[in-house]
C-alpha atoms as a PDB file:
ATOM      1  CA  MET A   1       0.034  -0.039   0.071  1.00  0.00           C
ATOM      2  CA  ILE A   2       3.006   2.151   0.397  1.00  0.00           C
ATOM      3  CA  LEU A   3       3.749   1.984  -3.455  1.00  0.00           C
ATOM      4  CA  ALA A   4       0.220   2.856  -4.121  1.00  0.00           C
ATOM      5  CA  ILE A   5       0.200   6.053  -1.847  1.00  0.00           C
ATOM      6  CA  ALA A   6       3.531   7.104  -2.992  1.00  0.00           C
ATOM      7  CA  GLY A   7       2.838   6.458  -6.651  1.00  0.00           C
ATOM      8  CA  GLY A   8      -0.451   8.231  -6.420  1.00  0.00           C
ATOM      9  CA  ILE A   9       1.221  11.344  -4.971  1.00  0.00           C
ATOM     10  CA  VAL A  10       3.969  11.335  -7.666  1.00  0.00           C
ATOM     11  CA  THR A  11       1.302  10.719 -10.649  1.00  0.00           C
ATOM     12  CA  GLN A  12      -0.777  13.429  -9.214  1.00  0.00           C
ATOM     13  CA  LEU A  13       1.895  15.941  -9.157  1.00  0.00           C
ATOM     14  CA  ILE A  14       3.160  15.089 -12.626  1.00  0.00           C
ATOM     15  CA  TRP A  15       0.201  13.801 -14.839  1.00  0.00           C
ATOM     16  CA  GLY A  16      -2.924  14.823 -12.883  1.00  0.00           C
ATOM     17  CA  TRP A  17      -5.863  12.942 -11.335  1.00  0.00           C
ATOM     18  CA  ARG A  18      -6.696  10.659 -14.051  1.00  0.00           C
ATOM     19  CA  VAL A  19      -3.428   8.874 -13.889  1.00  0.00           C
ATOM     20  CA  SER A  20      -3.157   9.133 -10.043  1.00  0.00           C
ATOM     21  CA  VAL A  21      -6.625   7.407  -9.483  1.00  0.00           C
ATOM     22  CA  ALA A  22      -5.870   4.822 -12.081  1.00  0.00           C
ATOM     23  CA  PHE A  23      -2.538   3.969 -10.589  1.00  0.00           C
ATOM     24  CA  ILE A  24      -4.006   3.749  -6.994  1.00  0.00           C
ATOM     25  CA  LEU A  25      -6.873   1.482  -8.408  1.00  0.00           C
ATOM     26  CA  ALA A  26      -4.616  -0.839 -10.004  1.00  0.00           C
ATOM     27  CA  THR A  27      -2.180  -1.159  -7.219  1.00  0.00           C
ATOM     28  CA  GLY A  28      -5.160  -1.579  -4.899  1.00  0.00           C
ATOM     29  CA  PHE A  29      -6.459  -4.576  -7.113  1.00  0.00           C
ATOM     30  CA  HIS A  30      -2.956  -6.260  -6.286  1.00  0.00           C
ATOM     31  CA  ALA A  31      -3.172  -5.778  -2.705  1.00  0.00           C
ATOM     32  CA  ALA A  32      -6.814  -7.053  -2.467  1.00  0.00           C
ATOM     33  CA  PHE A  33      -5.870 -10.144  -4.737  1.00  0.00           C
ATOM     34  CA  PHE A  34      -2.925 -11.041  -2.602  1.00  0.00           C
ATOM     35  CA  LEU A  35      -4.638 -10.406   0.695  1.00  0.00           C
ATOM     36  CA  PHE A  36      -7.402 -12.683  -0.735  1.00  0.00           C
ATOM     37  CA  LEU A  37      -5.018 -15.278  -1.709  1.00  0.00           C
ATOM     38  CA  ARG A  38      -3.126 -15.331   1.575  1.00  0.00           C
ATOM     39  CA  LYS A  39      -6.600 -15.764   3.269  1.00  0.00           C
ATOM     40  CA  LYS A  40      -7.333 -18.890   1.170  1.00  0.00           C
ATOM     41  CA  TYR A  41      -3.931 -20.117   1.717  1.00  0.00           C
ATOM     42  CA  LEU A  42      -4.237 -19.902   5.558  1.00  0.00           C
ATOM     43  CA  ASP A  43      -7.674 -21.452   5.358  1.00  0.00           C
ATOM     44  CA  TRP A  44      -6.298 -24.431   3.230  1.00  0.00           C
ATOM     45  CA  THR A  45      -3.376 -25.239   5.723  1.00  0.00           C
ATOM     46  CA  GLU A  46      -6.002 -25.132   8.659  1.00  0.00           C
ATOM     47  CA  THR A  47      -7.966 -27.379   7.150  1.00  0.00           C
ATOM     48  CA  GLY A  48      -5.097 -29.861   6.414  1.00  0.00           C
ATOM     49  CA  ARG A  49      -5.418 -29.771   2.641  1.00  0.00           C
ATOM     50  CA  ASP A  50      -2.755 -31.652   0.718  1.00  0.00           C
ATOM     51  CA  ILE A  51      -0.001 -29.431  -0.622  1.00  0.00           C
ATOM     52  CA  PHE A  52      -0.546 -30.392  -4.143  1.00  0.00           C
ATOM     53  CA  PHE A  53      -4.103 -29.281  -3.889  1.00  0.00           C
ATOM     54  CA  ILE A  54      -3.002 -25.932  -2.513  1.00  0.00           C
ATOM     55  CA  GLY A  55      -0.270 -25.413  -5.215  1.00  0.00           C
ATOM     56  CA  ARG A  56      -2.992 -26.173  -8.003  1.00  0.00           C
ATOM     57  CA  ARG A  57      -5.454 -23.732  -6.454  1.00  0.00           C
ATOM     58  CA  ILE A  58      -2.809 -21.054  -6.142  1.00  0.00           C
ATOM     59  CA  ALA A  59      -1.764 -21.508  -9.728  1.00  0.00           C
ATOM     60  CA  GLY A  60      -5.321 -21.310 -10.870  1.00  0.00           C
ATOM     61  CA  PHE A  61      -5.897 -18.254  -8.968  1.00  0.00           C
ATOM     62  CA  ALA A  62      -2.663 -16.749 -10.328  1.00  0.00           C
ATOM     63  CA  SER A  63      -3.932 -17.487 -14.023  1.00  0.00           C
ATOM     64  CA  GLY A  64      -7.138 -16.068 -13.220  1.00  0.00           C
ATOM     65  CA  ARG A  65      -5.687 -13.061 -11.930  1.00  0.00           C
ATOM     66  CA  PHE A  66      -4.281 -12.090 -15.449  1.00  0.00           C
ATOM     67  CA  ILE A  67      -7.923 -12.713 -17.092  1.00  0.00           C
ATOM     68  CA  LEU A  68      -9.139 -10.081 -14.370  1.00  0.00           C
ATOM     69  CA  GLU A  69      -6.393  -7.594 -15.187  1.00  0.00           C
ATOM     70  CA  ILE A  70      -7.419  -7.655 -18.751  1.00  0.00           C
ATOM     71  CA  LEU A  71     -10.880  -7.246 -17.772  1.00  0.00           C
ATOM     72  CA  LEU A  72     -10.435  -4.554 -15.625  1.00  0.00           C
ATOM     73  CA  SER A  73      -8.110  -2.634 -17.996  1.00  0.00           C
ATOM     74  CA  VAL A  74     -10.915  -2.888 -20.584  1.00  0.00           C
ATOM     75  CA  LEU A  75     -13.505  -1.437 -18.230  1.00  0.00           C
ATOM     76  CA  VAL A  76     -11.008   1.397 -17.383  1.00  0.00           C
ATOM     77  CA  VAL A  77     -10.617   2.334 -20.871  1.00  0.00           C
ATOM     78  CA  ILE A  78     -14.477   1.894 -21.801  1.00  0.00           C
ATOM     79  CA  PHE A  79     -16.192   3.039 -18.881  1.00  0.00           C
ATOM     80  CA  THR A  80     -14.148   5.763 -17.054  1.00  0.00           C
ATOM     81  CA  PRO A  81     -12.105   8.947 -17.625  1.00  0.00           C
ATOM     82  CA  LEU A  82      -9.046   7.531 -16.286  1.00  0.00           C
ATOM     83  CA  ASN A  83      -6.031   7.030 -17.838  1.00  0.00           C
ATOM     84  CA  ILE A  84      -5.050   3.678 -19.113  1.00  0.00           C
ATOM     85  CA  LEU A  85      -1.510   4.186 -19.064  1.00  0.00           C
ATOM     86  CA  GLY A  86      -1.685   5.051 -15.317  1.00  0.00           C
ATOM     87  CA  PHE A  87      -3.714   1.832 -14.892  1.00  0.00           C
ATOM     88  CA  LEU A  88      -1.154  -0.350 -16.566  1.00  0.00           C
ATOM     89  CA  ALA A  89       1.608   1.274 -14.636  1.00  0.00           C
ATOM     90  CA  GLY A  90      -0.306   0.347 -11.417  1.00  0.00           C
ATOM     91  CA  LEU A  91      -0.344  -3.266 -12.592  1.00  0.00           C
ATOM     92  CA  LEU A  92       3.075  -3.349 -13.483  1.00  0.00           C
ATOM     93  CA  SER A  93       4.115  -1.832 -10.098  1.00  0.00           C
ATOM     94  CA  LEU A  94       4.002  -5.487  -8.807  1.00  0.00           C
ATOM     95  CA  VAL A  95       7.408  -5.889  -9.892  1.00  0.00           C
ATOM     96  CA  VAL A  96       8.811  -2.931  -8.262  1.00  0.00           C
ATOM     97  CA  ALA A  97       7.094  -4.046  -5.053  1.00  0.00           C
ATOM     98  CA  THR A  98       8.646  -7.334  -5.246  1.00  0.00           C
ATOM     99  CA  TYR A  99      12.022  -6.304  -5.840  1.00  0.00           C
ATOM    100  CA  GLY A 100      11.698  -3.792  -2.925  1.00  0.00           C
ATOM    101  CA  GLU A 101      10.271  -6.570  -0.559  1.00  0.00           C
ATOM    102  CA  ARG A 102      13.382  -8.698  -1.525  1.00  0.00           C
ATOM    103  CA  ILE A 103      15.960  -5.818  -0.982  1.00  0.00           C
ATOM    104  CA  ILE A 104      14.514  -4.945   2.294  1.00  0.00           C
ATOM    105  CA  GLY A 105      14.411  -8.743   3.235  1.00  0.00           C
ATOM    106  CA  ALA A 106      18.149  -8.947   2.478  1.00  0.00           C
ATOM    107  CA  ILE A 107      19.136  -5.862   4.364  1.00  0.00           C
ATOM    108  CA  LYS A 108      17.385  -6.940   7.483  1.00  0.00           C
ATOM    109  CA  GLU A 109      19.220 -10.331   7.430  1.00  0.00           C
END
């Protein structure tokens, strides 16, 4: 969420509210998706599901995420005045967040 807020502020200052809101929505989608995935994982481990079951389900949800990203991008283009480039940048911010988490984890060790 820190990336969403920081990116939203920067995009607001440089490109305006249409890019900023689109960026925040896309990063919010990722945050909500991974919170959902974490909850499902914890539910499955608490009920004693097989590790292969969990792996298949996580892979299925991850594949479904890409379909949702495409649908959300189309909806943003058709039904909102938001900037699609800001939305796509928010979707691609997952890579930056992943690298940032790895760097912070390495520094803490």
